């Protein structure tokens, strides 16, 4: 019994430690998501008011004009996913921010005929103890990179 409790405690502590984000931050202070298979296109997510703003950036983190690109956004759980309204601007996309703790699933297409690239992000708004940023924007490096 004592071994089972110890194993459970270690498993819980490990999962909490691994939950720490350590994400790439973009030039505007937002979180970077990959919009390509070869890291040549990125999406930088920032929050303004109650909306997510997603800028499209090239491999050098410079803005890309949004012309034929499309973005689909989904949130909610698997049993009842909700499609979010996405507005295209010349600099990117705007959509309603999801609730804290929910997942945002984005499907980006370079043009209407292209295959969609899927990017996921948990909107974890709890504060990182080390850098004092929200976890979804945590600037800390994961433990594996610190060594």
Protein backbone atom coordinates (compact mmCIF):
# COMPACT_ATOMS: atom_id res chain seq x y z
CA UNK A 1 0.00 0.00 0.00
CA UNK A 2 2.83 2.36 0.93
CA UNK A 3 4.55 1.64 -2.42
CA UNK A 4 1.36 2.39 -4.36
CA UNK A 5 0.91 5.73 -2.58
CA UNK A 6 4.54 6.67 -3.20
CA UNK A 7 4.24 5.76 -6.88
CA UNK A 8 1.05 7.81 -7.19
CA UNK A 9 2.66 10.81 -5.48
CA UNK A 10 5.70 10.66 -7.78
CA UNK A 11 3.46 10.39 -10.85
CA UNK A 12 1.40 13.42 -9.77
CA UNK A 13 4.47 15.53 -9.02
CA UNK A 14 6.06 14.57 -12.35
CA UNK A 15 2.93 15.53 -14.29
CA UNK A 16 2.78 18.90 -12.52
CA UNK A 17 6.45 19.56 -13.27
CA UNK A 18 6.09 18.64 -16.93
CA UNK A 19 3.04 20.90 -17.26
CA UNK A 20 5.35 23.92 -17.13
CA UNK A 21 5.14 25.59 -20.54
CA UNK A 22 8.50 27.04 -21.65
CA UNK A 23 7.30 28.32 -25.04
CA UNK A 24 8.84 30.43 -27.80
CA UNK A 25 7.97 34.12 -27.51
CA UNK A 26 7.69 36.28 -30.63
CA UNK A 27 8.76 39.84 -31.43
CA UNK A 28 5.46 41.28 -30.14
CA UNK A 29 5.58 39.35 -26.85
CA UNK A 30 3.12 36.69 -28.02
CA UNK A 31 3.34 32.93 -28.17
CA UNK A 32 4.74 31.37 -31.34
CA UNK A 33 2.94 28.44 -33.00
CA UNK A 34 4.22 26.65 -36.07
CA UNK A 35 2.24 27.20 -39.28
CA UNK A 36 4.55 25.11 -41.49
CA UNK A 37 6.30 21.73 -41.43
CA UNK A 38 9.75 23.28 -41.99
CA UNK A 39 9.56 26.27 -39.58
CA UNK A 40 9.32 28.85 -42.37
CA UNK A 41 5.93 30.23 -41.24
CA UNK A 42 4.78 30.99 -37.71
CA UNK A 43 1.74 32.40 -35.98
CA UNK A 44 2.25 34.78 -33.05
CA UNK A 45 -0.72 34.87 -30.68
CA UNK A 46 -1.30 37.94 -28.54
CA UNK A 47 -4.33 38.95 -26.50
CA UNK A 48 -5.94 42.36 -26.84
CA UNK A 49 -9.04 42.80 -24.71
CA UNK A 50 -11.19 39.72 -25.20
CA UNK A 51 -9.66 38.74 -28.58
CA UNK A 52 -6.72 36.71 -29.81
CA UNK A 53 -4.70 38.41 -32.53
CA UNK A 54 -2.61 36.10 -34.67
CA UNK A 55 0.14 37.65 -36.76
CA UNK A 56 1.68 35.55 -39.54
CA UNK A 57 5.49 35.67 -39.47
CA UNK A 58 8.23 34.30 -41.73
CA UNK A 59 11.29 32.28 -40.63
CA UNK A 60 13.04 35.52 -39.57
CA UNK A 61 10.01 36.54 -37.46
CA UNK A 62 9.09 39.31 -39.89
CA UNK A 63 5.40 40.00 -40.72
CA UNK A 64 3.90 38.29 -43.76
CA UNK A 65 1.04 39.92 -45.69
CA UNK A 66 -2.12 37.87 -45.33
CA UNK A 67 -3.73 37.36 -48.73
CA UNK A 68 -4.82 33.82 -49.64
CA UNK A 69 -4.07 32.28 -46.24
CA UNK A 70 -6.97 30.96 -44.17
CA UNK A 71 -7.35 30.06 -40.51
CA UNK A 72 -9.96 27.92 -38.78
CA UNK A 73 -10.23 28.01 -34.98
CA UNK A 74 -11.90 25.44 -32.71
CA UNK A 75 -12.26 25.17 -28.93
CA UNK A 76 -14.25 23.07 -26.49
CA UNK A 77 -14.02 19.36 -25.79
CA UNK A 78 -14.07 16.47 -28.25
CA UNK A 79 -17.74 15.72 -27.64
CA UNK A 80 -18.86 19.28 -28.40
CA UNK A 81 -16.19 21.29 -30.27
CA UNK A 82 -17.06 24.89 -31.07
CA UNK A 83 -15.92 26.65 -34.22
CA UNK A 84 -14.86 30.23 -33.49
CA UNK A 85 -15.46 33.14 -35.88
CA UNK A 86 -12.18 34.26 -37.48
CA UNK A 87 -11.70 37.68 -39.06
CA UNK A 88 -8.88 38.14 -41.58
CA UNK A 89 -6.84 41.35 -41.59
CA UNK A 90 -3.87 42.31 -43.76
CA UNK A 91 -1.54 41.49 -40.84
CA UNK A 92 -3.16 38.30 -39.59
CA UNK A 93 -6.32 37.03 -37.97
CA UNK A 94 -8.56 37.99 -35.05
CA UNK A 95 -10.83 35.67 -33.07
CA UNK A 96 -12.51 35.60 -29.66
CA UNK A 97 -10.22 34.52 -26.82
CA UNK A 98 -11.08 31.14 -25.33
CA UNK A 99 -11.77 30.69 -21.62
CA UNK A 100 -8.83 30.12 -19.28
CA UNK A 101 -7.86 26.45 -19.26
CA UNK A 102 -9.41 25.68 -22.66
CA UNK A 103 -7.56 24.48 -25.72
CA UNK A 104 -7.36 26.47 -28.93
CA UNK A 105 -6.92 24.39 -32.08
CA UNK A 106 -5.90 26.27 -35.20
CA UNK A 107 -5.85 24.99 -38.77
CA UNK A 108 -3.78 27.22 -41.04
CA UNK A 109 -3.73 26.98 -44.84
CA UNK A 110 -1.28 28.86 -47.03
CA UNK A 111 -3.90 28.92 -49.80
CA UNK A 112 -7.33 27.29 -50.33
CA UNK A 113 -5.80 24.20 -52.01
CA UNK A 114 -3.01 23.66 -49.47
CA UNK A 115 -3.07 21.01 -46.78
CA UNK A 116 -3.97 22.41 -43.35
CA UNK A 117 -1.28 22.71 -40.68
CA UNK A 118 -2.72 22.14 -37.21
CA UNK A 119 -1.40 23.99 -34.15
CA UNK A 120 -2.68 23.57 -30.59
CA UNK A 121 -2.34 25.69 -27.48
CA UNK A 122 -3.77 25.45 -23.98
CA UNK A 123 -4.75 28.91 -22.77
CA UNK A 124 -3.24 28.40 -19.32
CA UNK A 125 -3.50 31.75 -17.52
CA UNK A 126 -2.04 30.61 -14.18
CA UNK A 127 1.15 32.45 -13.21
CA UNK A 128 4.57 30.86 -13.59
CA UNK A 129 6.36 31.15 -10.24
CA UNK A 130 9.76 31.68 -11.86
CA UNK A 131 9.09 34.33 -14.53
CA UNK A 132 5.73 35.65 -13.25
CA UNK A 133 4.21 35.42 -16.75
CA UNK A 134 1.02 33.51 -17.53
CA UNK A 135 1.96 29.87 -18.26
CA UNK A 136 0.79 30.17 -21.89
CA UNK A 137 3.50 32.86 -22.28
CA UNK A 138 6.09 31.38 -19.91
CA UNK A 139 9.62 32.50 -20.79
CA UNK A 140 11.35 29.79 -18.72
CA UNK A 141 13.19 27.03 -20.53
CA UNK A 142 12.00 23.47 -20.01
CA UNK A 143 14.19 21.43 -17.62
CA UNK A 144 15.67 19.39 -20.49
CA UNK A 145 17.02 22.57 -22.16
CA UNK A 146 18.54 23.95 -18.92
CA UNK A 147 21.05 21.09 -18.65
